[in-house]
C-alpha cells in the first residue's frame, strides 16, 4: 500500500466512524478536537526531527486528537479523596460520563477503550515508556487509557506502519495490523457488526461509544448504563 493509499484509506474509514458517532454517540463525537492544519503538522515535525507517518497525518488533518485524553483535562473525580465507595450522585455520574465519552477507541486497556492524543500529547508521551528498549525509541504513541496514559496505549511504528501496544514496565506487543486496518475494522464493526481485537462496541447511556471487555460484563461496573451495539451495527431504540 502506498502512502497515498494509506492516507485515503484512513480518511475514508474515519469519516464512516465519525458519521456513526454523530448519530449514535454524540458525547464521544463532541470530544473531537478541530483539525490540525498542515502548518501545525510541519511545526510538530520540526520539533520532533522526523515526519509524521501519512496514515497518522491523515487522522490529524481531520481532528487533532480529542479532549479528555487525560483525566486531569476534565478534573479530578469529585470523590477521589473519599468516601469509598463513591456515592452515586449527580457529580459522580457527570464525571464518569465524560470519562466514558473519552474512551471511544478500542484497545487492550483495563477500562472501556483508549482516548486519542492530540499532537501536543504525542510529544509529551514520546517515547512511549521510559523503560522501553533502545531499538523501539521511534514508536509514536497516539492513544491511551485516559486514567493513566503512561500505563497502556497504542503506538505507531513509522518503519512499517504497524500499530502495537505498550504496557507497564516497558512491555511492548506487536501484531495489531496497520493503522489503516485499525480504523477500517472500527468502521466495519460500527456499520455492520463484529469486533475489533475481540472488543464489541457498546453505547453508554450518556451517549458515549465504548469497547468493554465481553469477559467482564459492563453491567458489573456501570449498572444498566451500557448497551451492546447489536450485530448489523444497528442501535436498539431507547
C-alpha atoms as a PDB file:
ATOM      1  CA  UNK A   1       0.000   0.000   0.000  1.00  0.00           C
ATOM      2  CA  UNK A   2       1.427   3.394  -0.968  1.00  0.00           C
ATOM      3  CA  UNK A   3       1.480   6.415   1.307  1.00  0.00           C
ATOM      4  CA  UNK A   4      -1.304   7.931  -0.791  1.00  0.00           C
ATOM      5  CA  UNK A   5      -3.416   4.773  -0.387  1.00  0.00           C
ATOM      6  CA  UNK A   6      -2.858   4.821   3.375  1.00  0.00           C
ATOM      7  CA  UNK A   7      -3.869   8.484   3.584  1.00  0.00           C
ATOM      8  CA  UNK A   8      -7.051   7.973   1.557  1.00  0.00           C
ATOM      9  CA  UNK A   9      -7.941   4.718   3.336  1.00  0.00           C
ATOM     10  CA  UNK A  10      -7.607   6.216   6.819  1.00  0.00           C
ATOM     11  CA  UNK A  11      -9.623   9.332   5.989  1.00  0.00           C
ATOM     12  CA  UNK A  12     -12.378   7.357   4.273  1.00  0.00           C
ATOM     13  CA  UNK A  13     -12.716   4.936   7.201  1.00  0.00           C
ATOM     14  CA  UNK A  14     -12.590   7.686   9.834  1.00  0.00           C
ATOM     15  CA  UNK A  15     -15.381   9.611   8.118  1.00  0.00           C
ATOM     16  CA  UNK A  16     -17.554   6.479   8.400  1.00  0.00           C
ATOM     17  CA  UNK A  17     -16.686   6.227  12.114  1.00  0.00           C
ATOM     18  CA  UNK A  18     -17.435   9.877  12.707  1.00  0.00           C
ATOM     19  CA  UNK A  19     -20.756   9.712  10.856  1.00  0.00           C
ATOM     20  CA  UNK A  20     -21.798   6.813  13.105  1.00  0.00           C
ATOM     21  CA  UNK A  21     -20.654   8.621  16.242  1.00  0.00           C
ATOM     22  CA  UNK A  22     -22.509  11.797  15.305  1.00  0.00           C
ATOM     23  CA  UNK A  23     -25.755   9.804  15.020  1.00  0.00           C
ATOM     24  CA  UNK A  24     -25.402   7.401  17.920  1.00  0.00           C
ATOM     25  CA  UNK A  25     -22.638   8.566  20.292  1.00  0.00           C
ATOM     26  CA  UNK A  26     -22.893  12.373  20.479  1.00  0.00           C
ATOM     27  CA  UNK A  27     -20.954  12.614  23.757  1.00  0.00           C
ATOM     28  CA  UNK A  28     -17.913  10.900  22.222  1.00  0.00           C
ATOM     29  CA  UNK A  29     -18.322  12.843  18.982  1.00  0.00           C
ATOM     30  CA  UNK A  30     -18.230  16.083  20.979  1.00  0.00           C
ATOM     31  CA  UNK A  31     -14.793  15.096  22.355  1.00  0.00           C
ATOM     32  CA  UNK A  32     -13.145  15.504  18.927  1.00  0.00           C
ATOM     33  CA  UNK A  33     -10.803  18.464  18.525  1.00  0.00           C
ATOM     34  CA  UNK A  34     -10.676  20.724  15.455  1.00  0.00           C
ATOM     35  CA  UNK A  35      -8.271  19.674  12.683  1.00  0.00           C
ATOM     36  CA  UNK A  36      -4.518  20.170  12.881  1.00  0.00           C
ATOM     37  CA  UNK A  37      -3.630  22.173   9.790  1.00  0.00           C
ATOM     38  CA  UNK A  38      -0.601  21.420   7.603  1.00  0.00           C
ATOM     39  CA  UNK A  39       1.349  24.206   9.335  1.00  0.00           C
ATOM     40  CA  UNK A  40       0.740  22.608  12.741  1.00  0.00           C
ATOM     41  CA  UNK A  41       1.959  19.251  11.466  1.00  0.00           C
ATOM     42  CA  UNK A  42       5.058  20.887   9.962  1.00  0.00           C
ATOM     43  CA  UNK A  43       5.860  22.529  13.315  1.00  0.00           C
ATOM     44  CA  UNK A  44       5.427  19.190  15.073  1.00  0.00           C
ATOM     45  CA  UNK A  45       7.781  17.504  12.610  1.00  0.00           C
ATOM     46  CA  UNK A  46      10.365  20.256  13.051  1.00  0.00           C
ATOM     47  CA  UNK A  47      10.213  19.824  16.829  1.00  0.00           C
ATOM     48  CA  UNK A  48      10.418  16.029  16.702  1.00  0.00           C
ATOM     49  CA  UNK A  49      13.008  15.802  13.929  1.00  0.00           C
ATOM     50  CA  UNK A  50      11.099  13.295  11.798  1.00  0.00           C
ATOM     51  CA  UNK A  51       7.954  13.146   9.672  1.00  0.00           C
ATOM     52  CA  UNK A  52       4.519  12.185  10.907  1.00  0.00           C
ATOM     53  CA  UNK A  53       3.599   8.941   9.092  1.00  0.00           C
ATOM     54  CA  UNK A  54       0.995   9.545   6.334  1.00  0.00           C
ATOM     55  CA  UNK A  55      -1.708   7.407   7.969  1.00  0.00           C
ATOM     56  CA  UNK A  56      -1.420   9.295  11.266  1.00  0.00           C
ATOM     57  CA  UNK A  57      -1.199  12.650   9.480  1.00  0.00           C
ATOM     58  CA  UNK A  58      -4.440  11.759   7.693  1.00  0.00           C
ATOM     59  CA  UNK A  59      -6.211  11.437  11.048  1.00  0.00           C
ATOM     60  CA  UNK A  60      -4.809  14.661  12.493  1.00  0.00           C
ATOM     61  CA  UNK A  61      -5.794  16.629   9.406  1.00  0.00           C
ATOM     62  CA  UNK A  62      -9.379  15.629  10.260  1.00  0.00           C
ATOM     63  CA  UNK A  63      -9.082  16.130  14.042  1.00  0.00           C
ATOM     64  CA  UNK A  64      -6.120  16.891  16.265  1.00  0.00           C
ATOM     65  CA  UNK A  65      -6.999  14.076  18.615  1.00  0.00           C
ATOM     66  CA  UNK A  66      -9.665  14.547  21.253  1.00  0.00           C
ATOM     67  CA  UNK A  67     -10.410  16.193  24.564  1.00  0.00           C
ATOM     68  CA  UNK A  68     -10.401  14.033  27.655  1.00  0.00           C
ATOM     69  CA  UNK A  69      -7.227  12.134  26.726  1.00  0.00           C
ATOM     70  CA  UNK A  70      -6.069  12.794  30.286  1.00  0.00           C
ATOM     71  CA  UNK A  71      -8.498  12.768  33.194  1.00  0.00           C
ATOM     72  CA  UNK A  72      -6.918  15.963  34.510  1.00  0.00           C
ATOM     73  CA  UNK A  73      -8.419  17.734  31.499  1.00  0.00           C
ATOM     74  CA  UNK A  74     -11.872  17.352  32.982  1.00  0.00           C
ATOM     75  CA  UNK A  75     -10.925  17.463  36.622  1.00  0.00           C
ATOM     76  CA  UNK A  76     -10.437  15.020  39.450  1.00  0.00           C
ATOM     77  CA  UNK A  77     -13.289  12.691  40.317  1.00  0.00           C
ATOM     78  CA  UNK A  78     -15.464  14.533  42.850  1.00  0.00           C
ATOM     79  CA  UNK A  79     -14.982  11.722  45.375  1.00  0.00           C
ATOM     80  CA  UNK A  80     -11.365  10.826  44.644  1.00  0.00           C
ATOM     81  CA  UNK A  81     -10.494  11.644  48.243  1.00  0.00           C
ATOM     82  CA  UNK A  82     -13.400   9.628  49.640  1.00  0.00           C
ATOM     83  CA  UNK A  83     -15.778   8.455  50.871  1.00  0.00           C
ATOM     84  CA  UNK A  84     -15.443   4.970  49.358  1.00  0.00           C
ATOM     85  CA  UNK A  85     -17.307   3.533  47.644  1.00  0.00           C
ATOM     86  CA  UNK A  86     -18.047   6.753  45.768  1.00  0.00           C
ATOM     87  CA  UNK A  87     -21.675   7.798  46.221  1.00  0.00           C
ATOM     88  CA  UNK A  88     -23.925   7.548  43.178  1.00  0.00           C
ATOM     89  CA  UNK A  89     -24.692  11.247  42.926  1.00  0.00           C
ATOM     90  CA  UNK A  90     -25.040  13.735  40.074  1.00  0.00           C
ATOM     91  CA  UNK A  91     -21.419  14.918  40.327  1.00  0.00           C
ATOM     92  CA  UNK A  92     -20.083  11.360  40.093  1.00  0.00           C
ATOM     93  CA  UNK A  93     -22.326  10.476  37.183  1.00  0.00           C
ATOM     94  CA  UNK A  94     -21.314  13.614  35.267  1.00  0.00           C
ATOM     95  CA  UNK A  95     -17.588  12.905  35.749  1.00  0.00           C
ATOM     96  CA  UNK A  96     -17.964   9.257  34.775  1.00  0.00           C
ATOM     97  CA  UNK A  97     -19.960  10.211  31.670  1.00  0.00           C
ATOM     98  CA  UNK A  98     -17.110  12.461  30.473  1.00  0.00           C
ATOM     99  CA  UNK A  99     -14.643   9.666  31.163  1.00  0.00           C
ATOM    100  CA  UNK A 100     -16.755   7.170  29.218  1.00  0.00           C
ATOM    101  CA  UNK A 101     -17.070   9.594  26.302  1.00  0.00           C
ATOM    102  CA  UNK A 102     -13.280   9.943  26.020  1.00  0.00           C
ATOM    103  CA  UNK A 103     -12.579   6.212  25.583  1.00  0.00           C
ATOM    104  CA  UNK A 104     -14.052   5.712  22.098  1.00  0.00           C
ATOM    105  CA  UNK A 105     -11.154   3.782  20.501  1.00  0.00           C
ATOM    106  CA  UNK A 106     -10.892   0.001  21.094  1.00  0.00           C
ATOM    107  CA  UNK A 107      -7.729  -1.163  22.801  1.00  0.00           C
ATOM    108  CA  UNK A 108      -6.359  -3.685  25.297  1.00  0.00           C
ATOM    109  CA  UNK A 109      -6.533  -1.486  28.367  1.00  0.00           C
ATOM    110  CA  UNK A 110      -8.251  -2.252  31.643  1.00  0.00           C
ATOM    111  CA  UNK A 111     -11.164   0.134  31.062  1.00  0.00           C
ATOM    112  CA  UNK A 112     -13.553   0.565  28.106  1.00  0.00           C
ATOM    113  CA  UNK A 113     -11.120   1.809  25.455  1.00  0.00           C
ATOM    114  CA  UNK A 114      -8.442   4.353  24.601  1.00  0.00           C
ATOM    115  CA  UNK A 115      -8.557   8.111  24.052  1.00  0.00           C
ATOM    116  CA  UNK A 116      -6.933   9.754  21.014  1.00  0.00           C
ATOM    117  CA  UNK A 117      -3.909  12.006  21.663  1.00  0.00           C
ATOM    118  CA  UNK A 118      -3.609  15.483  20.139  1.00  0.00           C
ATOM    119  CA  UNK A 119      -0.156  16.248  18.723  1.00  0.00           C
ATOM    120  CA  UNK A 120       0.934  18.112  21.859  1.00  0.00           C
ATOM    121  CA  UNK A 121       0.305  14.980  23.926  1.00  0.00           C
ATOM    122  CA  UNK A 122       2.089  12.798  21.361  1.00  0.00           C
ATOM    123  CA  UNK A 123       5.146  14.956  22.033  1.00  0.00           C
ATOM    124  CA  UNK A 124       4.701  14.665  25.806  1.00  0.00           C
ATOM    125  CA  UNK A 125       4.309  10.861  25.695  1.00  0.00           C
ATOM    126  CA  UNK A 126       7.198  10.236  23.267  1.00  0.00           C
ATOM    127  CA  UNK A 127       8.910   7.781  23.610  1.00  0.00           C
ATOM    128  CA  UNK A 128       6.108   5.525  24.747  1.00  0.00           C
ATOM    129  CA  UNK A 129       7.732   4.455  28.011  1.00  0.00           C
ATOM    130  CA  UNK A 130      10.849   5.432  29.915  1.00  0.00           C
ATOM    131  CA  UNK A 131      11.896   1.802  30.284  1.00  0.00           C
ATOM    132  CA  UNK A 132      11.485   0.866  26.639  1.00  0.00           C
ATOM    133  CA  UNK A 133      14.264  -0.850  24.742  1.00  0.00           C
ATOM    134  CA  UNK A 134      16.505   1.393  22.659  1.00  0.00           C
ATOM    135  CA  UNK A 135      15.547  -0.196  19.335  1.00  0.00           C
ATOM    136  CA  UNK A 136      11.951   0.928  19.863  1.00  0.00           C
ATOM    137  CA  UNK A 137      12.754   4.576  20.503  1.00  0.00           C
ATOM    138  CA  UNK A 138      10.900   5.811  17.412  1.00  0.00           C
ATOM    139  CA  UNK A 139       7.494   4.341  18.246  1.00  0.00           C
ATOM    140  CA  UNK A 140       4.896   7.120  18.110  1.00  0.00           C
ATOM    141  CA  UNK A 141       2.157   6.980  20.777  1.00  0.00           C
ATOM    142  CA  UNK A 142      -1.273   8.016  19.520  1.00  0.00           C
ATOM    143  CA  UNK A 143      -3.869   6.715  22.005  1.00  0.00           C
ATOM    144  CA  UNK A 144      -4.013   5.551  25.607  1.00  0.00           C
ATOM    145  CA  UNK A 145      -6.140   4.865  28.649  1.00  0.00           C
ATOM    146  CA  UNK A 146      -7.245   8.288  29.842  1.00  0.00           C
ATOM    147  CA  UNK A 147      -6.915   7.372  33.540  1.00  0.00           C
ATOM    148  CA  UNK A 148      -3.182   6.682  33.274  1.00  0.00           C
ATOM    149  CA  UNK A 149      -1.673   7.411  29.869  1.00  0.00           C
ATOM    150  CA  UNK A 150       1.741   6.085  30.886  1.00  0.00           C
ATOM    151  CA  UNK A 151       0.427   2.613  31.718  1.00  0.00           C
ATOM    152  CA  UNK A 152      -1.177   1.350  28.489  1.00  0.00           C
ATOM    153  CA  UNK A 153      -1.788   2.614  24.994  1.00  0.00           C
ATOM    154  CA  UNK A 154      -1.250   2.259  21.267  1.00  0.00           C
ATOM    155  CA  UNK A 155       1.754   3.356  19.212  1.00  0.00           C
ATOM    156  CA  UNK A 156       2.545   3.516  15.505  1.00  0.00           C
ATOM    157  CA  UNK A 157       5.826   2.121  14.186  1.00  0.00           C
ATOM    158  CA  UNK A 158       6.855   4.541  11.401  1.00  0.00           C
ATOM    159  CA  UNK A 159       9.130   1.933   9.835  1.00  0.00           C
ATOM    160  CA  UNK A 160       6.293  -0.255   8.590  1.00  0.00           C
ATOM    161  CA  UNK A 161       3.029   1.458   9.560  1.00  0.00           C
ATOM    162  CA  UNK A 162       2.162  -1.244  12.104  1.00  0.00           C
ATOM    163  CA  UNK A 163       0.479  -0.403  15.369  1.00  0.00           C
ATOM    164  CA  UNK A 164       1.220  -2.052  18.677  1.00  0.00           C
ATOM    165  CA  UNK A 165       0.509  -1.714  22.361  1.00  0.00           C
ATOM    166  CA  UNK A 166       2.639  -0.765  25.307  1.00  0.00           C
ATOM    167  CA  UNK A 167       2.007  -1.666  28.915  1.00  0.00           C
ATOM    168  CA  UNK A 168       3.518  -1.166  32.322  1.00  0.00           C
ATOM    169  CA  UNK A 169       7.255  -1.819  32.840  1.00  0.00           C
ATOM    170  CA  UNK A 170       8.055  -1.163  29.182  1.00  0.00           C
ATOM    171  CA  UNK A 171       6.190  -4.168  27.804  1.00  0.00           C
ATOM    172  CA  UNK A 172       5.661  -3.849  24.030  1.00  0.00           C
ATOM    173  CA  UNK A 173       3.335  -6.013  21.957  1.00  0.00           C
ATOM    174  CA  UNK A 174       3.068  -6.070  18.168  1.00  0.00           C
ATOM    175  CA  UNK A 175       0.649  -7.876  15.876  1.00  0.00           C
ATOM    176  CA  UNK A 176      -2.289  -5.445  15.678  1.00  0.00           C
ATOM    177  CA  UNK A 177      -2.001  -4.657  11.956  1.00  0.00           C
ATOM    178  CA  UNK A 178      -1.628  -1.253  10.343  1.00  0.00           C
ATOM    179  CA  UNK A 179      -3.367   1.955  11.324  1.00  0.00           C
ATOM    180  CA  UNK A 180      -5.390   1.647   8.115  1.00  0.00           C
ATOM    181  CA  UNK A 181      -6.504  -1.846   9.209  1.00  0.00           C
ATOM    182  CA  UNK A 182      -7.427  -0.497  12.636  1.00  0.00           C
ATOM    183  CA  UNK A 183      -9.724   2.323  11.531  1.00  0.00           C
ATOM    184  CA  UNK A 184     -11.291   0.146   8.828  1.00  0.00           C
ATOM    185  CA  UNK A 185     -12.082  -2.541  11.416  1.00  0.00           C
ATOM    186  CA  UNK A 186     -13.661   0.057  13.709  1.00  0.00           C
ATOM    187  CA  UNK A 187     -15.794   1.413  10.860  1.00  0.00           C
ATOM    188  CA  UNK A 188     -16.907  -2.094   9.895  1.00  0.00           C
ATOM    189  CA  UNK A 189     -17.766  -3.036  13.490  1.00  0.00           C
ATOM    190  CA  UNK A 190     -19.940   0.074  13.816  1.00  0.00           C
ATOM    191  CA  UNK A 191     -21.571  -0.164  10.384  1.00  0.00           C
ATOM    192  CA  UNK A 192     -22.019  -3.905  10.031  1.00  0.00           C
ATOM    193  CA  UNK A 193     -21.343  -5.547  13.389  1.00  0.00           C
ATOM    194  CA  UNK A 194     -18.394  -7.526  14.662  1.00  0.00           C
ATOM    195  CA  UNK A 195     -15.435  -6.893  16.929  1.00  0.00           C
ATOM    196  CA  UNK A 196     -12.044  -5.198  16.933  1.00  0.00           C
ATOM    197  CA  UNK A 197      -9.378  -7.303  18.706  1.00  0.00           C
ATOM    198  CA  UNK A 198     -12.249  -9.123  20.367  1.00  0.00           C
ATOM    199  CA  UNK A 199     -13.929  -5.950  21.669  1.00  0.00           C
ATOM    200  CA  UNK A 200     -17.525  -5.311  20.615  1.00  0.00           C
ATOM    201  CA  UNK A 201     -18.893  -1.753  20.517  1.00  0.00           C
ATOM    202  CA  UNK A 202     -21.318  -0.616  23.193  1.00  0.00           C
ATOM    203  CA  UNK A 203     -23.178   2.587  23.940  1.00  0.00           C
ATOM    204  CA  UNK A 204     -23.263   4.271  27.318  1.00  0.00           C
ATOM    205  CA  UNK A 205     -26.490   5.885  28.455  1.00  0.00           C
ATOM    206  CA  UNK A 206     -24.772   9.287  28.313  1.00  0.00           C
ATOM    207  CA  UNK A 207     -24.204   8.948  24.549  1.00  0.00           C
ATOM    208  CA  UNK A 208     -20.640   7.585  24.669  1.00  0.00           C
ATOM    209  CA  UNK A 209     -19.089   4.892  22.485  1.00  0.00           C
ATOM    210  CA  UNK A 210     -17.033   2.278  24.332  1.00  0.00           C
ATOM    211  CA  UNK A 211     -15.491  -1.150  23.831  1.00  0.00           C
ATOM    212  CA  UNK A 212     -15.881  -3.085  27.101  1.00  0.00           C
ATOM    213  CA  UNK A 213     -14.331  -6.499  27.571  1.00  0.00           C
ATOM    214  CA  UNK A 214     -17.106  -9.041  26.993  1.00  0.00           C
ATOM    215  CA  UNK A 215     -15.477 -11.320  29.571  1.00  0.00           C
ATOM    216  CA  UNK A 216     -16.203  -8.622  32.156  1.00  0.00           C
ATOM    217  CA  UNK A 217     -19.808  -7.653  31.582  1.00  0.00           C
ATOM    218  CA  UNK A 218     -20.232  -3.860  31.639  1.00  0.00           C
ATOM    219  CA  UNK A 219     -23.179  -4.323  33.975  1.00  0.00           C
ATOM    220  CA  UNK A 220     -20.713  -5.215  36.734  1.00  0.00           C
ATOM    221  CA  UNK A 221     -19.274  -1.696  36.842  1.00  0.00           C
ATOM    222  CA  UNK A 222     -21.881   0.535  35.273  1.00  0.00           C
ATOM    223  CA  UNK A 223     -25.239  -0.887  36.323  1.00  0.00           C
ATOM    224  CA  UNK A 224     -27.524  -0.664  33.296  1.00  0.00           C
ATOM    225  CA  UNK A 225     -25.548   2.194  31.701  1.00  0.00           C
ATOM    226  CA  UNK A 226     -24.020   0.154  28.807  1.00  0.00           C
ATOM    227  CA  UNK A 227     -25.914  -1.416  25.917  1.00  0.00           C
ATOM    228  CA  UNK A 228     -24.160  -3.638  23.361  1.00  0.00           C
ATOM    229  CA  UNK A 229     -24.420  -2.481  19.768  1.00  0.00           C
ATOM    230  CA  UNK A 230     -26.244  -5.383  18.075  1.00  0.00           C
ATOM    231  CA  UNK A 231     -24.981  -7.251  15.052  1.00  0.00           C
ATOM    232  CA  UNK A 232     -25.502  -5.196  11.935  1.00  0.00           C
ATOM    233  CA  UNK A 233     -24.275  -2.020  13.612  1.00  0.00           C
ATOM    234  CA  UNK A 234     -27.814  -1.020  14.498  1.00  0.00           C
ATOM    235  CA  UNK A 235     -28.704   0.674  17.761  1.00  0.00           C
ATOM    236  CA  UNK A 236     -31.677  -0.585  19.712  1.00  0.00           C
ATOM    237  CA  UNK A 237     -34.391   2.013  20.309  1.00  0.00           C
ATOM    238  CA  UNK A 238     -34.337   3.514  23.790  1.00  0.00           C
END
